[in-house]
């Protein structure tokens, strides 16, 4: 019975996944970054999708074209965000 109760609690915890991708668009008003990425754990396959970026300071690091690593936090099917952003390669500089 205890094992069943603990298993139920785990469902409520946010899941965390490592991700790597490229920023394709930044939506300033919503602080969402559109990121083209590969498969993310057992959550989603390769695609481009928008991610809220938390906290604000993490969003400020980003530019279109940046290749990054981050942690995706999935609290529910409709609420997810990235955090712990690490820019691996900055956007190409204009010529």
PDB file of N, CA and C in Angstrom:
ATOM      1  N   UNK A   1       0.822  -1.181   0.000  1.00  0.00           N
ATOM      2  CA  UNK A   1       0.000   0.000   0.000  1.00  0.00           C
ATOM      3  C   UNK A   1       0.877   1.261   0.000  1.00  0.00           C
ATOM      4  N   UNK A   2       1.948   1.246   0.786  1.00  0.00           N
ATOM      5  CA  UNK A   2       2.858   2.394   0.819  1.00  0.00           C
ATOM      6  C   UNK A   2       3.480   2.626  -0.556  1.00  0.00           C
ATOM      7  N   UNK A   3       3.863   1.540  -1.224  1.00  0.00           N
ATOM      8  CA  UNK A   3       4.460   1.679  -2.554  1.00  0.00           C
ATOM      9  C   UNK A   3       3.479   2.330  -3.525  1.00  0.00           C
ATOM     10  N   UNK A   4       2.211   1.961  -3.449  1.00  0.00           N
ATOM     11  CA  UNK A   4       1.197   2.550  -4.328  1.00  0.00           C
ATOM     12  C   UNK A   4       1.033   4.041  -4.035  1.00  0.00           C
ATOM     13  N   UNK A   5       1.055   4.395  -2.762  1.00  0.00           N
ATOM     14  CA  UNK A   5       0.934   5.806  -2.384  1.00  0.00           C
ATOM     15  C   UNK A   5       2.123   6.608  -2.889  1.00  0.00           C
ATOM     16  N   UNK A   6       3.332   6.057  -2.747  1.00  0.00           N
ATOM     17  CA  UNK A   6       4.526   6.757  -3.231  1.00  0.00           C
ATOM     18  C   UNK A   6       4.530   6.878  -4.742  1.00  0.00           C
ATOM     19  N   UNK A   7       4.068   5.835  -5.425  1.00  0.00           N
ATOM     20  CA  UNK A   7       4.007   5.889  -6.888  1.00  0.00           C
ATOM     21  C   UNK A   7       3.056   7.000  -7.326  1.00  0.00           C
ATOM     22  N   UNK A   8       1.954   7.158  -6.639  1.00  0.00           N
ATOM     23  CA  UNK A   8       1.010   8.222  -6.953  1.00  0.00           C
ATOM     24  C   UNK A   8       1.618   9.595  -6.745  1.00  0.00           C
ATOM     25  N   UNK A   9       2.437   9.763  -5.724  1.00  0.00           N
ATOM     26  CA  UNK A   9       3.082  11.054  -5.457  1.00  0.00           C
ATOM     27  C   UNK A   9       4.059  11.417  -6.556  1.00  0.00           C
ATOM     28  N   UNK A  10       4.754  10.434  -7.102  1.00  0.00           N
ATOM     29  CA  UNK A  10       5.749  10.705  -8.134  1.00  0.00           C
ATOM     30  C   UNK A  10       5.121  11.307  -9.381  1.00  0.00           C
ATOM     31  N   UNK A  11       3.875  10.980  -9.683  1.00  0.00           N
ATOM     32  CA  UNK A  11       3.211  11.520 -10.861  1.00  0.00           C
ATOM     33  C   UNK A  11       3.052  13.027 -10.759  1.00  0.00           C
ATOM     34  N   UNK A  12       2.913  13.534  -9.549  1.00  0.00           N
ATOM     35  CA  UNK A  12       2.694  14.957  -9.358  1.00  0.00           C
ATOM     36  C   UNK A  12       3.976  15.772  -9.428  1.00  0.00           C
ATOM     37  N   UNK A  13       5.103  15.120  -9.330  1.00  0.00           N
ATOM     38  CA  UNK A  13       6.381  15.839  -9.392  1.00  0.00           C
ATOM     39  C   UNK A  13       6.706  16.213 -10.826  1.00  0.00           C
ATOM     40  N   UNK A  14       7.244  17.399 -11.013  1.00  0.00           N
ATOM     41  CA  UNK A  14       7.664  17.767 -12.372  1.00  0.00           C
ATOM     42  C   UNK A  14       8.760  16.818 -12.863  1.00  0.00           C
ATOM     43  N   UNK A  15       8.687  16.493 -14.133  1.00  0.00           N
ATOM     44  CA  UNK A  15       9.739  15.679 -14.758  1.00  0.00           C
ATOM     45  C   UNK A  15      10.781  16.631 -15.327  1.00  0.00           C
ATOM     46  N   UNK A  16      12.041  16.221 -15.319  1.00  0.00           N
ATOM     47  CA  UNK A  16      13.141  17.052 -15.803  1.00  0.00           C
ATOM     48  C   UNK A  16      13.895  16.271 -16.874  1.00  0.00           C
ATOM     49  N   UNK A  17      14.202  16.960 -17.958  1.00  0.00           N
ATOM     50  CA  UNK A  17      14.911  16.340 -19.072  1.00  0.00           C
ATOM     51  C   UNK A  17      16.032  17.265 -19.558  1.00  0.00           C
ATOM     52  N   UNK A  18      17.124  16.662 -19.972  1.00  0.00           N
ATOM     53  CA  UNK A  18      18.186  17.430 -20.635  1.00  0.00           C
ATOM     54  C   UNK A  18      17.759  17.658 -22.076  1.00  0.00           C
ATOM     55  N   UNK A  19      18.076  18.829 -22.605  1.00  0.00           N
ATOM     56  CA  UNK A  19      17.781  19.108 -24.007  1.00  0.00           C
ATOM     57  C   UNK A  19      18.906  19.913 -24.615  1.00  0.00           C
ATOM     58  N   UNK A  20      19.036  19.763 -25.921  1.00  0.00           N
ATOM     59  CA  UNK A  20      19.991  20.557 -26.682  1.00  0.00           C
ATOM     60  C   UNK A  20      19.277  20.996 -27.945  1.00  0.00           C
ATOM     61  N   UNK A  21      19.488  22.246 -28.332  1.00  0.00           N
ATOM     62  CA  UNK A  21      18.811  22.731 -29.521  1.00  0.00           C
ATOM     63  C   UNK A  21      19.334  24.072 -29.972  1.00  0.00           C
ATOM     64  N   UNK A  22      18.627  24.648 -30.948  1.00  0.00           N
ATOM     65  CA  UNK A  22      19.000  25.935 -31.530  1.00  0.00           C
ATOM     66  C   UNK A  22      17.809  26.880 -31.422  1.00  0.00           C
ATOM     67  N   UNK A  23      18.055  28.089 -30.959  1.00  0.00           N
ATOM     68  CA  UNK A  23      17.007  29.104 -30.839  1.00  0.00           C
ATOM     69  C   UNK A  23      16.661  29.597 -32.244  1.00  0.00           C
ATOM     70  N   UNK A  24      15.382  29.465 -32.626  1.00  0.00           N
ATOM     71  CA  UNK A  24      14.957  29.906 -33.956  1.00  0.00           C
ATOM     72  C   UNK A  24      14.170  31.212 -33.919  1.00  0.00           C
ATOM     73  N   UNK A  25      13.590  31.545 -32.763  1.00  0.00           N
ATOM     74  CA  UNK A  25      12.785  32.759 -32.634  1.00  0.00           C
ATOM     75  C   UNK A  25      12.641  33.088 -31.159  1.00  0.00           C
ATOM     76  N   UNK A  26      12.627  34.372 -30.833  1.00  0.00           N
ATOM     77  CA  UNK A  26      12.393  34.813 -29.456  1.00  0.00           C
ATOM     78  C   UNK A  26      11.167  35.705 -29.430  1.00  0.00           C
ATOM     79  N   UNK A  27      10.194  35.368 -28.601  1.00  0.00           N
ATOM     80  CA  UNK A  27       8.980  36.162 -28.441  1.00  0.00           C
ATOM     81  C   UNK A  27       9.140  36.995 -27.180  1.00  0.00           C
ATOM     82  N   UNK A  28       9.549  38.245 -27.358  1.00  0.00           N
ATOM     83  CA  UNK A  28       9.854  39.129 -26.221  1.00  0.00           C
ATOM     84  C   UNK A  28       8.686  39.300 -25.250  1.00  0.00           C
ATOM     85  N   UNK A  29       7.454  39.582 -25.724  1.00  0.00           N
ATOM     86  CA  UNK A  29       6.369  39.833 -24.765  1.00  0.00           C
ATOM     87  C   UNK A  29       6.076  38.655 -23.825  1.00  0.00           C
ATOM     88  N   UNK A  30       6.219  37.432 -24.325  1.00  0.00           N
ATOM     89  CA  UNK A  30       5.901  36.258 -23.491  1.00  0.00           C
ATOM     90  C   UNK A  30       7.144  35.591 -22.904  1.00  0.00           C
ATOM     91  N   UNK A  31       8.317  36.072 -23.316  1.00  0.00           N
ATOM     92  CA  UNK A  31       9.592  35.461 -22.922  1.00  0.00           C
ATOM     93  C   UNK A  31       9.606  33.964 -23.225  1.00  0.00           C
ATOM     94  N   UNK A  32       9.175  33.644 -24.443  1.00  0.00           N
ATOM     95  CA  UNK A  32       9.241  32.270 -24.942  1.00  0.00           C
ATOM     96  C   UNK A  32      10.310  32.203 -26.025  1.00  0.00           C
ATOM     97  N   UNK A  33      11.066  31.122 -25.973  1.00  0.00           N
ATOM     98  CA  UNK A  33      12.074  30.864 -26.990  1.00  0.00           C
ATOM     99  C   UNK A  33      11.607  29.679 -27.822  1.00  0.00           C
ATOM    100  N   UNK A  34      11.601  29.852 -29.128  1.00  0.00           N
ATOM    101  CA  UNK A  34      11.283  28.732 -30.019  1.00  0.00           C
ATOM    102  C   UNK A  34      12.596  28.011 -30.279  1.00  0.00           C
ATOM    103  N   UNK A  35      12.607  26.730 -30.000  1.00  0.00           N
ATOM    104  CA  UNK A  35      13.851  25.962 -30.061  1.00  0.00           C
ATOM    105  C   UNK A  35      13.656  24.725 -30.928  1.00  0.00           C
ATOM    106  N   UNK A  36      14.548  24.546 -31.901  1.00  0.00           N
ATOM    107  CA  UNK A  36      14.590  23.324 -32.708  1.00  0.00           C
ATOM    108  C   UNK A  36      15.473  22.348 -31.945  1.00  0.00           C
ATOM    109  N   UNK A  37      14.928  21.191 -31.622  1.00  0.00           N
ATOM    110  CA  UNK A  37      15.653  20.232 -30.780  1.00  0.00           C
ATOM    111  C   UNK A  37      15.422  18.805 -31.237  1.00  0.00           C
ATOM    112  N   UNK A  38      16.244  17.917 -30.742  1.00  0.00           N
ATOM    113  CA  UNK A  38      16.073  16.494 -30.985  1.00  0.00           C
ATOM    114  C   UNK A  38      15.076  15.913 -29.988  1.00  0.00           C
ATOM    115  N   UNK A  39      15.018  14.609 -29.946  1.00  0.00           N
ATOM    116  CA  UNK A  39      14.128  13.895 -29.026  1.00  0.00           C
ATOM    117  C   UNK A  39      14.472  14.290 -27.585  1.00  0.00           C
ATOM    118  N   UNK A  40      13.442  14.508 -26.780  1.00  0.00           N
ATOM    119  CA  UNK A  40      13.634  14.848 -25.366  1.00  0.00           C
ATOM    120  C   UNK A  40      13.050  13.720 -24.529  1.00  0.00           C
ATOM    121  N   UNK A  41      13.943  12.855 -24.051  1.00  0.00           N
ATOM    122  CA  UNK A  41      13.541  11.726 -23.202  1.00  0.00           C
ATOM    123  C   UNK A  41      12.353  10.980 -23.767  1.00  0.00           C
ATOM    124  N   UNK A  42      11.396  10.655 -22.888  1.00  0.00           N
ATOM    125  CA  UNK A  42      10.177   9.970 -23.316  1.00  0.00           C
ATOM    126  C   UNK A  42       9.027  10.960 -23.457  1.00  0.00           C
ATOM    127  N   UNK A  43       9.367  12.246 -23.552  1.00  0.00           N
ATOM    128  CA  UNK A  43       8.343  13.291 -23.571  1.00  0.00           C
ATOM    129  C   UNK A  43       7.925  13.695 -24.984  1.00  0.00           C
ATOM    130  N   UNK A  44       8.866  14.148 -25.831  1.00  0.00           N
ATOM    131  CA  UNK A  44       8.548  14.559 -27.203  1.00  0.00           C
ATOM    132  C   UNK A  44       9.654  14.147 -28.160  1.00  0.00           C
ATOM    133  N   UNK A  45       9.288  14.048 -29.427  1.00  0.00           N
ATOM    134  CA  UNK A  45      10.258  13.756 -30.468  1.00  0.00           C
ATOM    135  C   UNK A  45      10.889  15.030 -30.995  1.00  0.00           C
ATOM    136  N   UNK A  46      11.749  14.890 -32.007  1.00  0.00           N
ATOM    137  CA  UNK A  46      12.414  16.055 -32.588  1.00  0.00           C
ATOM    138  C   UNK A  46      11.392  17.014 -33.210  1.00  0.00           C
ATOM    139  N   UNK A  47      11.525  18.299 -32.914  1.00  0.00           N
ATOM    140  CA  UNK A  47      10.635  19.319 -33.472  1.00  0.00           C
ATOM    141  C   UNK A  47      11.113  20.702 -33.064  1.00  0.00           C
ATOM    142  N   UNK A  48      10.414  21.710 -33.538  1.00  0.00           N
ATOM    143  CA  UNK A  48      10.621  23.084 -33.075  1.00  0.00           C
ATOM    144  C   UNK A  48       9.379  23.472 -32.299  1.00  0.00           C
ATOM    145  N   UNK A  49       9.571  23.935 -31.067  1.00  0.00           N
ATOM    146  CA  UNK A  49       8.426  24.330 -30.254  1.00  0.00           C
ATOM    147  C   UNK A  49       8.806  25.456 -29.305  1.00  0.00           C
ATOM    148  N   UNK A  50       7.805  26.196 -28.816  1.00  0.00           N
ATOM    149  CA  UNK A  50       8.082  27.306 -27.911  1.00  0.00           C
ATOM    150  C   UNK A  50       8.247  26.822 -26.470  1.00  0.00           C
ATOM    151  N   UNK A  51       9.161  27.445 -25.775  1.00  0.00           N
ATOM    152  CA  UNK A  51       9.398  27.146 -24.360  1.00  0.00           C
ATOM    153  C   UNK A  51       9.419  28.442 -23.571  1.00  0.00           C
ATOM    154  N   UNK A  52       8.664  28.492 -22.481  1.00  0.00           N
ATOM    155  CA  UNK A  52       8.834  29.573 -21.523  1.00  0.00           C
ATOM    156  C   UNK A  52      10.232  29.391 -20.935  1.00  0.00           C
ATOM    157  N   UNK A  53      10.878  30.496 -20.589  1.00  0.00           N
ATOM    158  CA  UNK A  53      12.236  30.428 -20.039  1.00  0.00           C
ATOM    159  C   UNK A  53      12.192  31.025 -18.636  1.00  0.00           C
ATOM    160  N   UNK A  54      12.630  30.262 -17.667  1.00  0.00           N
ATOM    161  CA  UNK A  54      12.593  30.684 -16.263  1.00  0.00           C
ATOM    162  C   UNK A  54      13.961  30.537 -15.635  1.00  0.00           C
ATOM    163  N   UNK A  55      14.418  31.421 -14.833  1.00  0.00           N
ATOM    164  CA  UNK A  55      13.880  32.747 -14.548  1.00  0.00           C
ATOM    165  C   UNK A  55      14.204  33.721 -15.673  1.00  0.00           C
ATOM    166  N   UNK A  56      13.780  34.947 -15.499  1.00  0.00           N
ATOM    167  CA  UNK A  56      13.961  36.010 -16.480  1.00  0.00           C
ATOM    168  C   UNK A  56      15.422  36.137 -16.931  1.00  0.00           C
ATOM    169  N   UNK A  57      16.352  36.013 -16.012  1.00  0.00           N
ATOM    170  CA  UNK A  57      17.787  36.157 -16.346  1.00  0.00           C
ATOM    171  C   UNK A  57      18.228  35.111 -17.366  1.00  0.00           C
ATOM    172  N   UNK A  58      17.629  33.937 -17.346  1.00  0.00           N
ATOM    173  CA  UNK A  58      17.977  32.897 -18.315  1.00  0.00           C
ATOM    174  C   UNK A  58      17.524  33.314 -19.715  1.00  0.00           C
ATOM    175  N   UNK A  59      16.348  33.920 -19.812  1.00  0.00           N
ATOM    176  CA  UNK A  59      15.836  34.387 -21.107  1.00  0.00           C
ATOM    177  C   UNK A  59      16.754  35.464 -21.686  1.00  0.00           C
ATOM    178  N   UNK A  60      17.259  36.329 -20.839  1.00  0.00           N
ATOM    179  CA  UNK A  60      18.108  37.443 -21.275  1.00  0.00           C
ATOM    180  C   UNK A  60      19.392  36.962 -21.948  1.00  0.00           C
ATOM    181  N   UNK A  61      19.821  35.758 -21.694  1.00  0.00           N
ATOM    182  CA  UNK A  61      21.047  35.210 -22.290  1.00  0.00           C
ATOM    183  C   UNK A  61      20.885  34.871 -23.772  1.00  0.00           C
ATOM    184  N   UNK A  62      19.652  34.694 -24.219  1.00  0.00           N
ATOM    185  CA  UNK A  62      19.396  34.067 -25.513  1.00  0.00           C
ATOM    186  C   UNK A  62      19.321  35.034 -26.682  1.00  0.00           C
ATOM    187  N   UNK A  63      19.789  34.524 -27.842  1.00  0.00           N
ATOM    188  CA  UNK A  63      19.699  35.231 -29.118  1.00  0.00           C
ATOM    189  C   UNK A  63      19.340  34.201 -30.183  1.00  0.00           C
ATOM    190  N   UNK A  64      18.638  34.645 -31.214  1.00  0.00           N
ATOM    191  CA  UNK A  64      18.320  33.754 -32.327  1.00  0.00           C
ATOM    192  C   UNK A  64      19.625  33.229 -32.920  1.00  0.00           C
ATOM    193  N   UNK A  65      19.675  31.937 -33.148  1.00  0.00           N
ATOM    194  CA  UNK A  65      20.871  31.299 -33.702  1.00  0.00           C
ATOM    195  C   UNK A  65      21.744  30.629 -32.663  1.00  0.00           C
ATOM    196  N   UNK A  66      21.536  30.920 -31.387  1.00  0.00           N
ATOM    197  CA  UNK A  66      22.326  30.291 -30.322  1.00  0.00           C
ATOM    198  C   UNK A  66      22.036  28.794 -30.249  1.00  0.00           C
ATOM    199  N   UNK A  67      23.087  28.007 -30.111  1.00  0.00           N
ATOM    200  CA  UNK A  67      22.940  26.577 -29.800  1.00  0.00           C
ATOM    201  C   UNK A  67      23.066  26.473 -28.293  1.00  0.00           C
ATOM    202  N   UNK A  68      22.153  25.735 -27.665  1.00  0.00           N
ATOM    203  CA  UNK A  68      22.139  25.700 -26.206  1.00  0.00           C
ATOM    204  C   UNK A  68      21.877  24.317 -25.640  1.00  0.00           C
ATOM    205  N   UNK A  69      22.185  24.195 -24.371  1.00  0.00           N
ATOM    206  CA  UNK A  69      21.771  23.060 -23.557  1.00  0.00           C
ATOM    207  C   UNK A  69      20.920  23.656 -22.444  1.00  0.00           C
ATOM    208  N   UNK A  70      19.899  22.930 -22.021  1.00  0.00           N
ATOM    209  CA  UNK A  70      19.040  23.415 -20.953  1.00  0.00           C
ATOM    210  C   UNK A  70      18.353  22.231 -20.292  1.00  0.00           C
ATOM    211  N   UNK A  71      17.670  22.519 -19.214  1.00  0.00           N
ATOM    212  CA  UNK A  71      16.831  21.533 -18.555  1.00  0.00           C
ATOM    213  C   UNK A  71      15.389  21.893 -18.839  1.00  0.00           C
ATOM    214  N   UNK A  72      14.630  20.917 -19.347  1.00  0.00           N
ATOM    215  CA  UNK A  72      13.198  21.100 -19.567  1.00  0.00           C
ATOM    216  C   UNK A  72      12.487  20.567 -18.336  1.00  0.00           C
ATOM    217  N   UNK A  73      11.633  21.388 -17.747  1.00  0.00           N
ATOM    218  CA  UNK A  73      10.829  20.984 -16.596  1.00  0.00           C
ATOM    219  C   UNK A  73       9.393  20.851 -17.089  1.00  0.00           C
ATOM    220  N   UNK A  74       8.838  19.638 -16.958  1.00  0.00           N
ATOM    221  CA  UNK A  74       7.469  19.370 -17.404  1.00  0.00           C
ATOM    222  C   UNK A  74       6.614  19.143 -16.169  1.00  0.00           C
ATOM    223  N   UNK A  75       5.806  20.141 -15.837  1.00  0.00           N
ATOM    224  CA  UNK A  75       4.930  20.040 -14.676  1.00  0.00           C
ATOM    225  C   UNK A  75       3.620  19.350 -15.042  1.00  0.00           C
ATOM    226  N   UNK A  76       3.155  19.569 -16.282  1.00  0.00           N
ATOM    227  CA  UNK A  76       1.944  18.914 -16.785  1.00  0.00           C
ATOM    228  C   UNK A  76       2.022  18.959 -18.308  1.00  0.00           C
ATOM    229  N   UNK A  77       1.036  18.363 -18.974  1.00  0.00           N
ATOM    230  CA  UNK A  77       1.045  18.386 -20.437  1.00  0.00           C
ATOM    231  C   UNK A  77       0.968  19.801 -20.992  1.00  0.00           C
ATOM    232  N   UNK A  78       0.370  20.704 -20.241  1.00  0.00           N
ATOM    233  CA  UNK A  78       0.211  22.069 -20.739  1.00  0.00           C
ATOM    234  C   UNK A  78       1.132  23.086 -20.063  1.00  0.00           C
ATOM    235  N   UNK A  79       1.935  22.659 -19.093  1.00  0.00           N
ATOM    236  CA  UNK A  79       2.847  23.592 -18.428  1.00  0.00           C
ATOM    237  C   UNK A  79       4.249  23.008 -18.372  1.00  0.00           C
ATOM    238  N   UNK A  80       5.129  23.632 -19.147  1.00  0.00           N
ATOM    239  CA  UNK A  80       6.527  23.213 -19.197  1.00  0.00           C
ATOM    240  C   UNK A  80       7.366  24.458 -19.477  1.00  0.00           C
ATOM    241  N   UNK A  81       8.631  24.385 -19.113  1.00  0.00           N
ATOM    242  CA  UNK A  81       9.530  25.521 -19.334  1.00  0.00           C
ATOM    243  C   UNK A  81      10.962  25.005 -19.339  1.00  0.00           C
ATOM    244  N   UNK A  82      11.900  25.892 -19.759  1.00  0.00           N
ATOM    245  CA  UNK A  82      13.314  25.536 -19.674  1.00  0.00           C
ATOM    246  C   UNK A  82      13.989  26.422 -18.643  1.00  0.00           C
ATOM    247  N   UNK A  83      15.029  25.882 -18.066  1.00  0.00           N
ATOM    248  CA  UNK A  83      15.832  26.597 -17.080  1.00  0.00           C
ATOM    249  C   UNK A  83      17.256  26.060 -17.183  1.00  0.00           C
ATOM    250  N   UNK A  84      18.150  26.588 -16.393  1.00  0.00           N
ATOM    251  CA  UNK A  84      19.556  26.152 -16.396  1.00  0.00           C
ATOM    252  C   UNK A  84      20.131  26.192 -17.814  1.00  0.00           C
ATOM    253  N   UNK A  85      19.905  27.301 -18.486  1.00  0.00           N
ATOM    254  CA  UNK A  85      20.324  27.481 -19.874  1.00  0.00           C
ATOM    255  C   UNK A  85      21.832  27.690 -19.951  1.00  0.00           C
ATOM    256  N   UNK A  86      22.442  26.982 -20.880  1.00  0.00           N
ATOM    257  CA  UNK A  86      23.882  27.145 -21.139  1.00  0.00           C
ATOM    258  C   UNK A  86      24.051  27.323 -22.650  1.00  0.00           C
ATOM    259  N   UNK A  87      24.499  28.501 -23.060  1.00  0.00           N
ATOM    260  CA  UNK A  87      24.725  28.763 -24.480  1.00  0.00           C
ATOM    261  C   UNK A  87      26.035  28.101 -24.870  1.00  0.00           C
ATOM    262  N   UNK A  88      25.959  27.187 -25.847  1.00  0.00           N
ATOM    263  CA  UNK A  88      27.155  26.458 -26.297  1.00  0.00           C
ATOM    264  C   UNK A  88      27.856  27.203 -27.415  1.00  0.00           C
ATOM    265  N   UNK A  89      27.091  27.707 -28.370  1.00  0.00           N
ATOM    266  CA  UNK A  89      27.637  28.448 -29.493  1.00  0.00           C
ATOM    267  C   UNK A  89      26.749  29.654 -29.705  1.00  0.00           C
ATOM    268  N   UNK A  90      27.321  30.821 -29.607  1.00  0.00           N
ATOM    269  CA  UNK A  90      26.538  32.047 -29.807  1.00  0.00           C
ATOM    270  C   UNK A  90      26.191  32.215 -31.274  1.00  0.00           C
ATOM    271  N   UNK A  91      25.175  33.001 -31.530  1.00  0.00           N
ATOM    272  CA  UNK A  91      24.735  33.268 -32.890  1.00  0.00           C
ATOM    273  C   UNK A  91      25.893  33.794 -33.724  1.00  0.00           C
ATOM    274  N   UNK A  92      25.872  33.508 -35.004  1.00  0.00           N
ATOM    275  CA  UNK A  92      26.929  34.061 -35.863  1.00  0.00           C
ATOM    276  C   UNK A  92      26.858  35.587 -35.862  1.00  0.00           C
ATOM    277  N   UNK A  93      28.000  36.237 -35.840  1.00  0.00           N
ATOM    278  CA  UNK A  93      28.009  37.689 -35.845  1.00  0.00           C
ATOM    279  C   UNK A  93      27.727  38.192 -37.262  1.00  0.00           C
ATOM    280  N   UNK A  94      27.030  39.337 -37.374  1.00  0.00           N
ATOM    281  CA  UNK A  94      26.715  39.897 -38.717  1.00  0.00           C
ATOM    282  C   UNK A  94      27.998  40.305 -39.433  1.00  0.00           C
ATOM    283  N   UNK A  95      27.964  40.183 -40.740  1.00  0.00           N
ATOM    284  CA  UNK A  95      29.153  40.544 -41.552  1.00  0.00           C
ATOM    285  C   UNK A  95      29.098  41.974 -41.979  1.00  0.00           C
TER     286      UNK A  95
END
